[in-house]
Protein backbone atom coordinates (compact mmCIF):
# COMPACT_ATOMS: atom_id res chain seq x y z
CA MET A 1 22.62 -15.43 31.46
CA LYS A 2 23.13 -17.95 34.17
CA HIS A 3 25.79 -16.77 36.60
CA LEU A 4 28.78 -18.84 37.65
CA LEU A 5 27.93 -18.33 41.31
CA HIS A 6 24.62 -17.80 43.02
CA SER A 7 25.68 -14.57 44.71
CA HIS A 8 27.02 -11.27 43.39
CA HIS A 9 28.37 -10.30 46.79
CA PRO A 10 31.96 -9.05 46.44
CA PHE A 11 33.14 -11.55 49.07
CA ARG A 12 32.01 -14.46 46.90
CA ILE A 13 33.95 -13.02 43.97
CA PHE A 14 37.13 -11.67 45.55
CA TRP A 15 37.75 -14.17 48.37
CA PHE A 16 40.11 -16.35 46.34
CA SER A 17 42.17 -13.35 45.17
CA ALA A 18 42.43 -12.05 48.72
CA LEU A 19 43.35 -15.46 50.16
CA LEU A 20 45.97 -16.13 47.48
CA THR A 21 47.48 -12.65 47.90
CA LEU A 22 47.72 -13.14 51.66
CA GLY A 23 49.34 -16.55 51.17
CA LEU A 24 51.86 -15.24 48.64
CA GLY A 25 52.51 -12.21 50.86
CA ALA A 26 53.27 -14.49 53.82
CA PHE A 27 55.56 -16.63 51.65
CA ILE A 28 57.44 -13.56 50.33
CA THR A 29 57.78 -12.16 53.87
CA ALA A 30 59.24 -15.45 55.11
CA ARG A 31 61.73 -15.50 52.22
CA LEU A 32 62.59 -11.82 51.78
CA GLY A 33 61.35 -10.01 54.88
CA ILE A 34 59.28 -6.84 55.20
CA SER A 35 61.13 -5.11 52.35
CA GLY A 36 60.15 -7.98 50.05
CA LEU A 37 56.53 -7.72 51.18
CA TRP A 38 56.53 -3.99 50.38
CA LEU A 39 57.84 -4.62 46.85
CA PHE A 40 55.29 -7.43 46.45
CA ALA A 41 52.45 -5.05 47.38
CA ILE A 42 53.72 -2.42 44.91
CA LEU A 43 53.81 -4.97 42.09
CA VAL A 44 50.26 -6.18 42.85
CA VAL A 45 48.86 -2.64 42.88
CA LEU A 46 50.71 -1.69 39.68
CA GLU A 47 49.45 -4.77 37.85
CA VAL A 48 45.82 -4.16 38.88
CA THR A 49 46.05 -0.46 38.03
CA PHE A 50 47.72 -1.17 34.72
CA SER A 51 45.17 -3.81 33.70
CA PHE A 52 41.92 -2.27 34.96
CA ASP A 53 40.84 -1.42 31.43
CA ASN A 54 41.78 -4.97 30.43
CA ALA A 55 39.21 -6.27 32.93
CA ILE A 56 36.50 -4.10 31.37
CA ILE A 57 37.18 -5.45 27.87
CA ASN A 58 37.43 -8.99 29.25
CA SER A 59 33.98 -8.73 30.84
CA LYS A 60 32.50 -7.32 27.63
CA VAL A 61 33.84 -10.19 25.51
CA LEU A 62 32.96 -12.80 28.16
CA SER A 63 29.35 -11.59 28.19
CA THR A 64 29.06 -12.88 24.58
CA MET A 65 30.40 -16.35 25.46
CA GLY A 66 28.64 -19.37 26.91
CA GLN A 67 29.00 -20.37 30.55
CA THR A 68 31.43 -23.20 29.79
CA TRP A 69 33.83 -20.89 27.96
CA GLN A 70 33.55 -18.32 30.74
CA LYS A 71 34.66 -21.01 33.18
CA VAL A 72 37.57 -21.96 30.92
CA PHE A 73 38.79 -18.36 30.84
CA LEU A 74 38.37 -17.89 34.58
CA THR A 75 40.09 -21.19 35.54
CA ILE A 76 42.53 -22.41 32.89
CA GLY A 77 42.96 -18.80 31.84
CA ILE A 78 44.41 -18.01 35.28
CA PHE A 79 47.18 -20.56 34.70
CA VAL A 80 47.88 -19.02 31.30
CA ALA A 81 47.87 -15.48 32.73
CA VAL A 82 50.21 -16.24 35.64
CA PHE A 83 52.56 -18.96 34.42
CA ILE A 84 52.59 -18.67 30.62
CA VAL A 85 52.25 -14.91 30.12
CA ARG A 86 54.23 -13.62 33.10
CA PHE A 87 56.95 -16.29 33.29
CA ILE A 88 57.27 -18.41 30.15
CA LEU A 89 56.58 -15.62 27.63
CA PRO A 90 59.38 -13.35 28.95
CA ILE A 91 61.72 -16.34 28.84
CA LEU A 92 60.83 -16.97 25.18
CA ILE A 93 61.45 -13.29 24.43
CA VAL A 94 64.87 -13.46 26.12
CA MET A 95 65.64 -16.61 24.10
CA ILE A 96 64.89 -14.75 20.86
CA ALA A 97 66.79 -11.64 21.93
CA SER A 98 69.88 -13.36 23.34
CA GLY A 99 70.19 -16.57 21.33
CA HIS A 100 70.36 -18.66 24.53
CA ASP A 101 68.48 -21.94 24.81
CA PHE A 102 65.53 -22.44 27.16
CA MET A 103 67.46 -23.93 30.11
CA ASN A 104 70.14 -21.24 29.95
CA VAL A 105 67.47 -18.55 30.12
CA ILE A 106 65.83 -20.33 33.07
CA ASP A 107 69.22 -20.29 34.78
CA LEU A 108 69.55 -16.57 34.06
CA ALA A 109 66.07 -15.90 35.43
CA LEU A 110 66.66 -17.80 38.66
CA ASN A 111 70.37 -17.18 39.33
CA LYS A 112 71.25 -14.01 37.41
CA PRO A 113 68.07 -11.93 37.46
CA SER A 114 69.82 -8.62 36.75
CA GLU A 115 71.31 -10.01 33.52
CA TYR A 116 67.95 -11.57 32.64
CA GLY A 117 66.20 -8.24 33.20
CA HIS A 118 68.82 -6.44 31.11
CA ILE A 119 68.31 -8.79 28.14
CA LEU A 120 64.54 -8.46 28.47
CA HIS A 121 64.89 -4.69 28.48
CA GLU A 122 67.09 -4.88 25.38
CA ALA A 123 64.26 -6.78 23.67
CA SER A 124 61.77 -4.01 24.48
CA PRO A 125 61.70 -2.58 20.90
CA ILE A 126 60.29 -5.92 19.66
CA ILE A 127 57.77 -6.03 22.50
CA ASP A 128 56.69 -2.39 22.19
CA ALA A 129 56.25 -2.56 18.40
CA PHE A 130 54.25 -5.80 18.55
CA GLY A 131 52.17 -4.97 21.63
CA GLY A 132 51.60 -1.36 20.56
CA ALA A 133 50.37 -2.40 17.10
CA PHE A 134 48.02 -5.03 18.56
CA LEU A 135 46.52 -2.67 21.16
CA ILE A 136 46.07 0.21 18.71
CA MET A 137 44.32 -2.19 16.34
CA ILE A 138 41.90 -3.06 19.16
CA GLY A 139 41.15 0.61 19.78
CA LEU A 140 40.76 1.48 16.10
CA SER A 141 38.54 -1.55 15.47
CA TYR A 142 36.18 -0.35 18.19
CA PHE A 143 35.97 3.27 17.11
CA ILE A 144 36.20 2.85 13.32
CA ASP A 145 32.85 1.09 13.09
CA TYR A 146 30.08 2.50 10.90
CA ASN A 147 27.42 0.76 13.03
CA LYS A 148 28.68 2.22 16.31
CA ARG A 149 26.02 4.42 17.90
CA VAL A 150 27.27 5.20 21.42
CA HIS A 151 29.72 8.12 21.25
CA TRP A 152 31.45 9.56 24.29
CA MET A 153 33.90 12.09 22.80
CA ARG A 154 31.36 13.74 20.50
CA HIS A 155 33.89 15.68 18.41
CA ILE A 156 36.04 12.64 17.57
CA GLU A 157 34.14 9.36 17.81
CA PRO A 158 31.38 10.11 15.23
CA LEU A 159 34.07 10.99 12.66
CA LEU A 160 35.93 7.75 13.38
CA ALA A 161 32.68 5.79 13.11
CA LYS A 162 31.98 7.30 9.66
CA ALA A 163 35.43 6.17 8.53
CA GLY A 164 34.16 2.62 9.10
CA ARG A 165 32.50 2.82 5.68
CA PHE A 166 35.94 2.17 4.22
CA GLU A 167 36.77 -1.46 4.93
CA ASN A 168 40.57 -1.22 4.98
CA PHE A 169 40.88 2.21 6.60
CA LYS A 170 42.31 1.04 9.94
CA VAL A 171 44.72 -1.37 8.23
CA CYS A 172 46.03 1.47 6.04
CA ILE A 173 46.54 3.63 9.15
CA MET A 174 48.48 0.89 10.93
CA LEU A 175 50.62 -0.04 7.95
CA ALA A 176 51.45 3.64 7.49
CA ALA A 177 52.37 3.81 11.20
CA ALA A 178 54.58 0.71 10.85
CA ALA A 179 56.34 2.28 7.84
CA LEU A 180 56.80 5.55 9.76
CA LEU A 181 58.34 3.64 12.67
CA TYR A 182 60.72 1.89 10.28
CA PHE A 183 62.06 5.19 8.95
CA THR A 184 62.30 6.95 12.32
CA VAL A 185 63.57 4.42 14.89
CA GLU A 186 67.25 3.69 15.44
CA PRO A 187 68.83 1.91 12.43
CA GLN A 188 69.75 -1.23 14.40
CA HIS A 189 66.09 -1.73 15.34
CA GLN A 190 64.41 -0.86 12.04
CA SER A 191 63.84 -4.35 10.65
CA LEU A 192 62.78 -5.89 13.98
CA VAL A 193 60.38 -3.03 14.74
CA LEU A 194 58.78 -3.23 11.28
CA ILE A 195 58.39 -7.02 11.43
CA SER A 196 57.04 -6.91 15.01
CA ALA A 197 54.50 -4.18 14.20
CA VAL A 198 53.28 -6.00 11.09
CA LEU A 199 52.96 -9.23 13.10
CA GLY A 200 50.89 -7.41 15.72
CA ILE A 201 48.58 -6.10 12.98
CA LEU A 202 48.33 -9.52 11.33
CA LEU A 203 47.59 -11.24 14.64
CA HIS A 204 44.63 -8.95 15.31
CA ILE A 205 43.30 -9.37 11.76
CA GLY A 206 43.80 -13.14 11.98
CA LEU A 207 41.87 -13.41 15.26
CA GLU A 208 39.02 -11.33 13.80
CA LEU A 209 38.89 -13.52 10.68
CA PHE A 210 39.09 -16.69 12.78
CA GLY A 211 36.12 -15.57 14.89
CA SER A 212 34.14 -14.41 11.86
CA PHE A 213 34.74 -17.68 10.02
CA PHE A 214 33.15 -19.71 12.80
CA HIS A 215 30.43 -17.19 13.63
CA ASP A 216 26.98 -18.67 13.08
CA ASP A 217 24.73 -15.95 11.62
CA THR A 218 21.64 -18.06 12.34
CA ALA A 219 22.41 -17.78 16.05
CA ALA A 220 23.12 -14.06 15.92
CA SER A 221 19.93 -13.24 17.81
CA ILE A 222 21.12 -15.36 20.76
CA LYS A 223 24.41 -13.42 20.95
CA THR A 224 26.13 -16.24 22.82
CA LYS A 225 29.23 -17.65 21.19
CA THR A 226 29.97 -21.35 21.41
CA GLY A 227 32.38 -23.78 19.78
CA TRP A 228 35.09 -22.35 17.56
CA ALA A 229 33.67 -18.82 17.72
CA ALA A 230 33.99 -18.86 21.51
CA PHE A 231 37.48 -20.39 21.18
CA ALA A 232 38.48 -17.48 18.92
CA SER A 233 37.24 -15.03 21.56
CA LEU A 234 39.23 -16.93 24.20
CA LEU A 235 42.40 -16.62 22.09
CA TYR A 236 41.67 -12.92 21.63
CA LEU A 237 41.39 -12.42 25.41
CA GLU A 238 44.63 -14.30 26.10
CA VAL A 239 46.57 -12.31 23.49
CA LEU A 240 45.08 -9.10 24.88
CA ASP A 241 46.20 -10.09 28.37
CA ALA A 242 49.70 -10.82 27.04
CA SER A 243 49.84 -7.41 25.34
CA PHE A 244 48.90 -5.68 28.58
CA SER A 245 51.46 -7.69 30.56
CA PHE A 246 54.47 -6.89 28.35
CA ASP A 247 55.06 -3.45 29.85
CA GLY A 248 54.29 -4.68 33.34
CA VAL A 249 56.87 -7.47 33.16
CA ILE A 250 59.60 -5.19 31.83
CA GLY A 251 58.70 -2.38 34.23
CA ALA A 252 58.79 -4.80 37.17
CA PHE A 253 62.54 -5.19 36.68
CA ALA A 254 62.88 -1.45 37.37
CA ILE A 255 61.43 -2.18 40.82
CA THR A 256 63.22 -5.45 41.60
CA SER A 257 65.41 -8.01 39.84
CA ASN A 258 64.07 -10.91 41.94
CA VAL A 259 62.19 -13.13 39.46
CA LEU A 260 60.32 -14.96 42.23
CA LEU A 261 59.05 -11.64 43.57
CA ILE A 262 58.06 -10.45 40.09
CA VAL A 263 56.12 -13.62 39.25
CA ALA A 264 54.40 -13.58 42.67
CA GLY A 265 53.45 -9.88 42.52
CA LEU A 266 52.32 -9.77 38.90
CA GLY A 267 50.64 -13.17 39.26
CA ALA A 268 48.61 -12.02 42.28
CA GLY A 269 47.70 -8.86 40.40
CA ALA A 270 46.55 -10.95 37.43
CA ILE A 271 44.27 -12.97 39.74
CA TRP A 272 42.72 -9.73 41.03
CA VAL A 273 42.12 -8.62 37.44
CA ARG A 274 40.33 -11.93 36.77
CA SER A 275 38.16 -11.42 39.85
CA LEU A 276 37.41 -7.87 38.77
CA THR A 277 36.38 -9.25 35.37
CA VAL A 278 33.93 -11.61 37.11
CA TYR A 279 32.56 -8.75 39.22
CA LEU A 280 31.95 -6.55 36.18
CA LEU A 281 30.35 -9.45 34.32
CA ARG A 282 27.94 -10.52 37.06
CA THR A 283 26.90 -7.13 38.37
CA GLY A 284 26.15 -5.64 34.96
CA VAL A 285 28.34 -2.59 35.57
CA LEU A 286 28.94 -2.14 31.84
CA GLY A 287 25.21 -1.71 31.29
CA ARG A 288 24.87 0.87 34.06
CA TYR A 289 27.71 3.07 32.82
CA LYS A 290 27.00 3.97 29.20
CA TYR A 291 30.47 5.21 28.28
CA LEU A 292 32.59 2.77 30.32
CA GLU A 293 33.48 0.65 27.31
CA ASN A 294 34.39 3.77 25.32
CA GLY A 295 36.71 4.92 28.11
CA ALA A 296 38.37 1.50 28.29
CA HIS A 297 39.09 1.53 24.56
CA TRP A 298 40.53 5.06 24.74
CA ALA A 299 42.78 3.76 27.53
CA ILE A 300 43.85 0.82 25.35
CA LEU A 301 44.50 3.14 22.42
CA ALA A 302 46.58 5.45 24.64
CA LEU A 303 48.59 2.49 25.98
CA GLY A 304 49.35 1.29 22.46
CA ILE A 305 50.50 4.78 21.43
CA LEU A 306 52.69 5.00 24.55
CA MET A 307 54.32 1.69 23.61
CA PHE A 308 55.13 3.14 20.19
CA ILE A 309 56.52 6.30 21.80
CA LYS A 310 58.80 4.18 23.99
CA LEU A 311 60.63 3.14 20.82
CA PHE A 312 62.07 6.68 20.87
CA HIS A 313 63.23 6.34 24.51
CA ILE A 314 60.41 8.47 25.87
CA GLU A 315 59.01 6.56 28.84
CA LEU A 316 56.51 7.37 31.53
CA PRO A 317 56.82 5.57 34.88
CA GLU A 318 54.56 2.56 35.33
CA TRP A 319 52.30 4.35 37.81
CA ALA A 320 51.74 7.20 35.34
CA THR A 321 50.93 4.81 32.47
CA GLY A 322 48.44 2.90 34.60
CA GLY A 323 47.06 6.17 35.97
CA LEU A 324 46.35 7.40 32.44
CA GLY A 325 44.14 4.37 31.83
CA LEU A 326 42.32 4.93 35.12
CA LEU A 327 41.83 8.60 34.18
CA PHE A 328 40.03 7.70 30.94
CA ILE A 329 37.87 5.15 32.75
CA SER A 330 37.05 7.53 35.64
CA LEU A 331 36.05 10.29 33.20
CA ALA A 332 33.89 7.83 31.24
CA VAL A 333 32.14 6.69 34.44
CA GLY A 334 31.62 10.30 35.52
CA SER A 335 30.17 11.22 32.12
CA SER A 336 27.85 8.20 32.26
CA ILE A 337 26.52 9.18 35.70
CA TRP A 338 26.12 12.83 34.70
CA GLU A 339 24.21 12.00 31.51
CA ALA A 340 21.99 9.48 33.33
CA LYS A 341 21.05 12.19 35.85
CA LYS A 342 20.33 14.64 33.02
CA ARG A 343 18.01 12.13 31.34
CA GLU A 344 16.29 11.43 34.66
CA GLN A 345 15.77 15.14 35.33
CA ALA A 346 14.49 15.71 31.79
CA ALA A 347 12.05 12.81 32.12
CA HIS A 348 10.88 14.13 35.50
CA THR A 349 10.40 17.63 34.07
CA GLU A 350 8.49 16.30 31.07
CA THR A 351 6.25 14.18 33.29
CA GLY A 352 5.55 17.20 35.50
CA SER A 353 4.66 19.37 32.53
CA HIS A 354 1.98 16.88 31.45
CA LEU A 355 0.28 16.78 34.84
CA PRO A 356 -3.10 18.59 34.94
CA PRO A 357 -3.09 21.91 36.85
CA GLN A 358 -4.19 21.72 40.48
């Protein structure tokens, strides 16, 4: 694959993120002082930590797309990630939850941020049911695959892979989970939670069908998506990014009610995640660490389950939620390194045993 830049040096990849973060940090300091800069730094770190596994999945999907579509995701996709997902999307959610029109919600966001944050928090059952269902579907789709051959958790993943023989197994699991949520959440949220969860399931199924419909089997050996198939993957990545950002946006209001600070901090963090995606894509990290993708999908599955659990008012702090994802990924990387060393030692021992005696 032809790379987007001629160098894999981290400076060539992360310079824009660093420069933008410094610029936004200087702007926030001028407006809000050192205390504002501190909160800005916390939001950036939380966003990167929370979305690290998102970057791994992004790089995996991007590796199947042509160079033009990679550029679209890494340029236009930045605008979508920062402005649409982390500013416009919360406003649309507040519109639905409060019944206010768009301009009134803009006014709330800019002039009454505490009220805006309160309404957004009140809408969290809709967000958690939808985002949780979508993320769990991603995890189940990866593990419940009869053709999957790389297994990290050897006591669980092979069993899940065998379940892939049954075409509708994961859909049955998710519909059962949606029904269980309906009967166990607070009565005033039952209908909204059920509808939101079903919509999250349908969205994932729809994106899979959309991509499959435009997939060209004659080009399967090339493994590079173009046209509508690549567009479907782009939509998948943007929806995935939105699902990851839901919790971050709501959690940010627990740190500060300043909308400008939230958009700046989460936006800078989103840019770092994009740069990290580029780094993973160009350096071939996924290929070097055998179980990295497995760990990322376990992290996604755990995040989706945590979003469901939040419907029962059981919440971990943002740093703990992001830390859980990093734990899965760190363990997967460690397992990959350990197994690679074992294979190397075994190969060395076998080679030595075949050498003629001195």
